[in-house]
Amino acid sequence: MGTWPEGVGCRTLAQTDSTMAEAARRAEGGVPGPEWTLALVQTAARGRRGRAWHMPPGNFAASLLMRPAGGPSEAALRSFVMSLALADTFRAVGVAAADVTLKWPNDVLVKGGKIAGILLESQGDGRGGVSHLVIGVGVNLAAAPAPDEVEPGALAPVSLRTATGLDITPEGFLDPLAAAFDAHERQFKTYGFEPIRTAWLAQAARLGEVITARLPNEVITGTFRDVDGAGNLVLDTPGGTRRIAAAEIFF
């Protein structure tokens, strides 16, 4: 489904605590990257804001270690790069293109349900740059979380198997994902964020519709108008245009 990208490493582990933690340890040990770490079992996985994340057997959990040029704000744009790579991968394994949409800032939906999430963690180099970046990816290939594991008001999760009938192994999913990410990363490094932003918006869920952004101390409801050149969500609200760097989004 995809040719493994030249110069990119890969490790498959039967079990680890967390692929993100393992990738960070590899970075601290001097591994230059880029390098994927895929785990078939995780014992201490975590999601956004440090939430515990349960991984049913057969689901996908992998992290990519990178050492990108630029500062933290540029590194953070890799969430959009990875979102595009995931969308390409779902189509490559047989999901209808119209069934795949992207939810700001870091989720992928299939048939309107959350099927994949992305988590970024970076370490500064003390000079305004990034020493390393780890991009964690979780995909519900075989099973979705139970309803009581989902935050109230959040989109219902789905799995690839139940939503589409497709049965893909984690190893089989990683090959096209690594190839797709490499292609979009090359585009990002050559042409900047604008073509990534344009491609992401073309697949954005609820663009032009009213959505709610939940911040730590504020809840903002408005029309999803755009994603700007810094990756911020742009909402038109009764009080004017709001640009939001980070929030939980509810439809």
Protein backbone atom coordinates (compact mmCIF):
# COMPACT_ATOMS: atom_id res chain seq x y z
CA MET A 1 0.00 0.00 0.00
CA GLY A 2 2.97 2.29 0.49
CA THR A 3 6.72 2.14 0.00
CA TRP A 4 8.55 2.60 3.28
CA PRO A 5 10.19 6.05 3.21
CA GLU A 6 13.94 6.14 2.78
CA GLY A 7 15.92 7.13 5.86
CA VAL A 8 13.04 6.56 8.30
CA GLY A 9 13.55 4.00 11.05
CA CYS A 10 10.95 1.64 12.50
CA ARG A 11 10.71 -0.46 15.65
CA THR A 12 7.83 -2.81 16.47
CA LEU A 13 7.46 -3.73 20.15
CA ALA A 14 5.28 -6.48 21.55
CA GLN A 15 4.63 -4.30 24.60
CA THR A 16 5.68 -0.99 26.11
CA ASP A 17 4.35 1.48 28.63
CA SER A 18 3.66 4.16 26.02
CA THR A 19 5.01 4.64 22.52
CA MET A 20 5.38 8.36 23.24
CA ALA A 21 7.42 7.67 26.36
CA GLU A 22 9.50 5.12 24.47
CA ALA A 23 10.16 7.56 21.63
CA ALA A 24 11.16 10.26 24.13
CA ARG A 25 13.59 7.84 25.75
CA ARG A 26 15.04 7.09 22.34
CA ALA A 27 15.48 10.82 21.73
CA GLU A 28 17.22 11.29 25.07
CA GLY A 29 19.48 8.37 24.16
CA GLY A 30 20.64 10.16 21.03
CA VAL A 31 18.61 8.46 18.30
CA PRO A 32 18.56 11.03 15.48
CA GLY A 33 15.23 10.09 13.94
CA PRO A 34 12.99 10.14 12.14
CA GLU A 35 11.92 6.85 13.69
CA TRP A 36 8.55 5.19 14.20
CA THR A 37 7.82 3.11 17.29
CA LEU A 38 4.81 0.79 16.99
CA ALA A 39 3.53 -1.14 20.01
CA LEU A 40 1.02 -3.97 19.93
CA VAL A 41 0.27 -3.49 23.65
CA GLN A 42 0.57 -0.35 25.78
CA THR A 43 0.36 -0.55 29.56
CA ALA A 44 0.36 3.17 30.45
CA ALA A 45 -0.89 5.04 27.40
CA ARG A 46 -2.17 8.59 27.70
CA GLY A 47 -4.14 11.02 25.61
CA ARG A 48 -4.62 14.77 25.62
CA ARG A 49 -4.18 16.63 28.92
CA GLY A 50 -2.61 13.53 30.45
CA ARG A 51 -5.82 11.48 30.36
CA ALA A 52 -5.42 7.73 30.63
CA TRP A 53 -6.05 5.98 27.34
CA HIS A 54 -7.07 2.34 27.13
CA MET A 55 -5.88 0.40 24.08
CA PRO A 56 -7.94 -2.65 23.10
CA PRO A 57 -6.10 -5.48 21.32
CA GLY A 58 -5.77 -4.94 17.58
CA ASN A 59 -5.82 -1.15 17.73
CA PHE A 60 -3.01 1.04 16.45
CA ALA A 61 -0.57 2.91 18.70
CA ALA A 62 2.60 4.40 17.29
CA SER A 63 4.80 7.44 17.77
CA LEU A 64 7.13 9.21 15.39
CA LEU A 65 10.35 10.74 16.72
CA MET A 66 11.56 13.75 14.74
CA ARG A 67 14.16 16.46 15.13
CA PRO A 68 12.60 19.27 13.10
CA ALA A 69 14.11 22.65 12.35
CA GLY A 70 12.31 25.73 13.63
CA GLY A 71 10.67 26.59 16.90
CA PRO A 72 7.79 25.11 18.91
CA SER A 73 5.06 26.92 16.94
CA GLU A 74 6.28 25.43 13.67
CA ALA A 75 6.69 22.00 15.24
CA ALA A 76 3.06 22.15 16.42
CA LEU A 77 1.85 22.42 12.82
CA ARG A 78 2.84 18.77 12.36
CA SER A 79 -0.56 17.87 13.80
CA PHE A 80 -2.04 19.06 10.50
CA VAL A 81 0.62 17.17 8.53
CA MET A 82 -0.20 13.97 10.41
CA SER A 83 -3.95 14.55 10.02
CA LEU A 84 -3.53 14.65 6.24
CA ALA A 85 -1.38 11.51 6.36
CA LEU A 86 -4.04 9.68 8.36
CA ALA A 87 -6.77 10.75 5.94
CA ASP A 88 -4.69 9.46 3.03
CA THR A 89 -4.09 6.19 4.86
CA PHE A 90 -7.76 5.57 5.57
CA ARG A 91 -8.51 6.06 1.89
CA ALA A 92 -5.57 3.81 0.95
CA VAL A 93 -6.95 0.93 3.03
CA GLY A 94 -10.40 1.25 1.48
CA VAL A 95 -12.44 3.89 3.30
CA ALA A 96 -14.57 6.03 0.98
CA ALA A 97 -13.06 9.50 0.59
CA ALA A 98 -16.32 11.22 1.52
CA ASP A 99 -16.44 9.32 4.82
CA VAL A 100 -13.13 10.79 6.09
CA THR A 101 -13.11 14.24 7.70
CA LEU A 102 -10.71 16.14 9.95
CA LYS A 103 -11.64 17.72 13.28
CA TRP A 104 -9.57 20.61 14.60
CA PRO A 105 -7.07 20.39 16.12
CA ASN A 106 -5.98 16.75 16.05
CA ASP A 107 -8.72 14.19 15.40
CA VAL A 108 -9.78 12.19 12.36
CA LEU A 109 -13.39 11.14 11.83
CA VAL A 110 -14.90 8.34 9.76
CA LYS A 111 -18.63 8.56 9.08
CA GLY A 112 -18.81 11.31 11.69
CA GLY A 113 -17.30 9.29 14.55
CA LYS A 114 -13.86 9.75 16.04
CA ILE A 115 -11.53 7.04 14.81
CA ALA A 116 -8.07 8.53 15.37
CA GLY A 117 -6.29 11.07 17.54
CA ILE A 118 -2.92 12.78 17.45
CA LEU A 119 -0.81 14.00 20.37
CA LEU A 120 2.35 16.10 20.09
CA GLU A 121 5.06 16.53 22.71
CA SER A 122 8.28 18.45 22.15
CA GLN A 123 11.42 19.28 24.06
CA GLY A 124 13.09 22.66 23.71
CA ASP A 125 16.78 22.98 22.93
CA GLY A 126 17.37 26.01 25.18
CA ARG A 127 17.93 28.29 22.19
CA GLY A 128 14.35 28.83 21.06
CA GLY A 129 14.31 25.72 18.90
CA VAL A 130 13.15 22.14 19.35
CA SER A 131 15.48 19.37 20.46
CA HIS A 132 12.99 16.70 19.47
CA LEU A 133 9.32 16.23 18.62
CA VAL A 134 7.25 13.11 19.26
CA ILE A 135 3.98 12.66 17.39
CA GLY A 136 1.75 10.02 18.92
CA VAL A 137 -1.02 8.43 16.87
CA GLY A 138 -3.85 6.25 18.13
CA VAL A 139 -6.33 4.59 15.76
CA ASN A 140 -9.37 2.48 16.57
CA LEU A 141 -8.75 -0.29 14.07
CA ALA A 142 -10.47 -3.18 15.83
CA ALA A 143 -12.51 -1.64 18.66
CA ALA A 144 -13.71 1.73 19.93
CA PRO A 145 -13.72 2.89 23.57
CA ALA A 146 -16.79 2.11 25.65
CA PRO A 147 -19.31 4.95 26.09
CA ASP A 148 -18.33 5.47 29.74
CA GLU A 149 -14.73 6.14 28.66
CA VAL A 150 -15.77 9.11 26.51
CA GLU A 151 -16.11 12.66 27.84
CA PRO A 152 -19.75 13.81 28.03
CA GLY A 153 -20.71 15.69 24.89
CA ALA A 154 -17.79 14.35 22.86
CA LEU A 155 -18.26 12.66 19.52
CA ALA A 156 -19.03 8.97 19.73
CA PRO A 157 -15.95 6.92 18.82
CA VAL A 158 -16.00 4.33 16.05
CA SER A 159 -13.62 1.63 14.92
CA LEU A 160 -12.52 0.87 11.39
CA ARG A 161 -13.89 -2.65 11.69
CA THR A 162 -17.37 -1.69 12.88
CA ALA A 163 -17.76 1.45 10.75
CA THR A 164 -16.52 0.01 7.46
CA GLY A 165 -16.06 -3.75 7.81
CA LEU A 166 -12.36 -3.38 7.01
CA ASP A 167 -9.92 -5.51 9.00
CA ILE A 168 -6.41 -4.01 9.04
CA THR A 169 -3.51 -4.98 11.30
CA PRO A 170 -1.45 -2.30 13.05
CA GLU A 171 1.58 -3.27 10.95
CA GLY A 172 -0.51 -3.06 7.79
CA PHE A 173 -1.72 0.41 8.77
CA LEU A 174 1.74 1.76 9.61
CA ASP A 175 3.25 1.16 6.17
CA PRO A 176 0.94 3.52 4.23
CA LEU A 177 0.84 5.98 7.14
CA ALA A 178 4.62 6.34 7.21
CA ALA A 179 4.71 6.85 3.44
CA ALA A 180 1.89 9.40 3.51
CA PHE A 181 3.43 11.37 6.36
CA ASP A 182 6.79 11.45 4.62
CA ALA A 183 5.18 12.88 1.47
CA HIS A 184 3.28 15.59 3.34
CA GLU A 185 6.30 16.42 5.52
CA ARG A 186 8.41 16.95 2.41
CA GLN A 187 5.71 19.27 1.08
CA PHE A 188 5.64 21.16 4.38
CA LYS A 189 9.41 21.61 4.46
CA THR A 190 9.52 22.73 0.82
CA TYR A 191 6.45 24.97 0.54
CA GLY A 192 5.51 25.83 4.12
CA PHE A 193 2.19 25.51 5.88
CA GLU A 194 -0.12 27.06 3.27
CA PRO A 195 -0.64 23.96 1.04
CA ILE A 196 -1.05 21.82 4.16
CA ARG A 197 -3.61 24.27 5.54
CA THR A 198 -5.51 24.35 2.23
CA ALA A 199 -5.64 20.56 1.98
CA TRP A 200 -6.71 20.27 5.62
CA LEU A 201 -9.55 22.79 5.21
CA ALA A 202 -10.81 20.89 2.15
CA GLN A 203 -11.48 17.93 4.48
CA ALA A 204 -12.49 19.85 7.62
CA ALA A 205 -15.51 18.67 9.59
CA ARG A 206 -18.21 21.31 10.20
CA LEU A 207 -16.50 24.12 8.31
CA GLY A 208 -19.04 26.95 8.00
CA GLU A 209 -21.17 25.53 10.81
CA VAL A 210 -21.68 26.55 14.43
CA ILE A 211 -19.38 24.74 16.86
CA THR A 212 -18.31 25.19 20.48
CA ALA A 213 -14.75 25.62 21.72
CA ARG A 214 -14.20 24.81 25.38
CA LEU A 215 -11.16 26.53 26.89
CA PRO A 216 -9.97 26.14 30.50
CA ASN A 217 -11.76 29.34 31.61
CA GLU A 218 -14.14 30.09 28.76
CA VAL A 219 -16.63 28.49 26.38
CA ILE A 220 -16.91 30.09 22.93
CA THR A 221 -19.62 29.29 20.40
CA GLY A 222 -19.40 30.57 16.85
CA THR A 223 -19.25 29.73 13.17
CA PHE A 224 -16.16 27.79 12.15
CA ARG A 225 -14.77 30.15 9.52
CA ASP A 226 -11.14 29.19 8.98
CA VAL A 227 -7.81 27.93 10.25
CA ASP A 228 -5.23 30.69 10.02
CA GLY A 229 -1.58 30.56 9.04
CA ALA A 230 -0.54 29.76 12.60
CA GLY A 231 -2.96 26.83 12.87
CA ASN A 232 -5.42 28.73 15.07
CA LEU A 233 -9.13 28.00 14.85
CA VAL A 234 -11.03 31.06 13.58
CA LEU A 235 -14.59 31.48 14.84
CA ASP A 236 -17.08 34.20 13.94
CA THR A 237 -18.99 35.01 17.13
CA PRO A 238 -21.58 37.67 18.04
CA GLY A 239 -18.74 39.55 19.74
CA GLY A 240 -16.43 39.41 16.73
CA THR A 241 -13.79 37.12 15.29
CA ARG A 242 -11.96 34.88 17.76
CA ARG A 243 -8.69 33.07 17.07
CA ILE A 244 -8.16 30.06 19.30
CA ALA A 245 -4.83 28.30 19.72
CA ALA A 246 -6.01 25.32 21.80
CA ALA A 247 -9.41 24.06 22.93
CA GLU A 248 -11.70 21.07 23.15
CA ILE A 249 -14.18 21.23 20.26
CA PHE A 250 -17.80 20.10 20.45
CA PHE A 251 -20.34 19.87 17.64
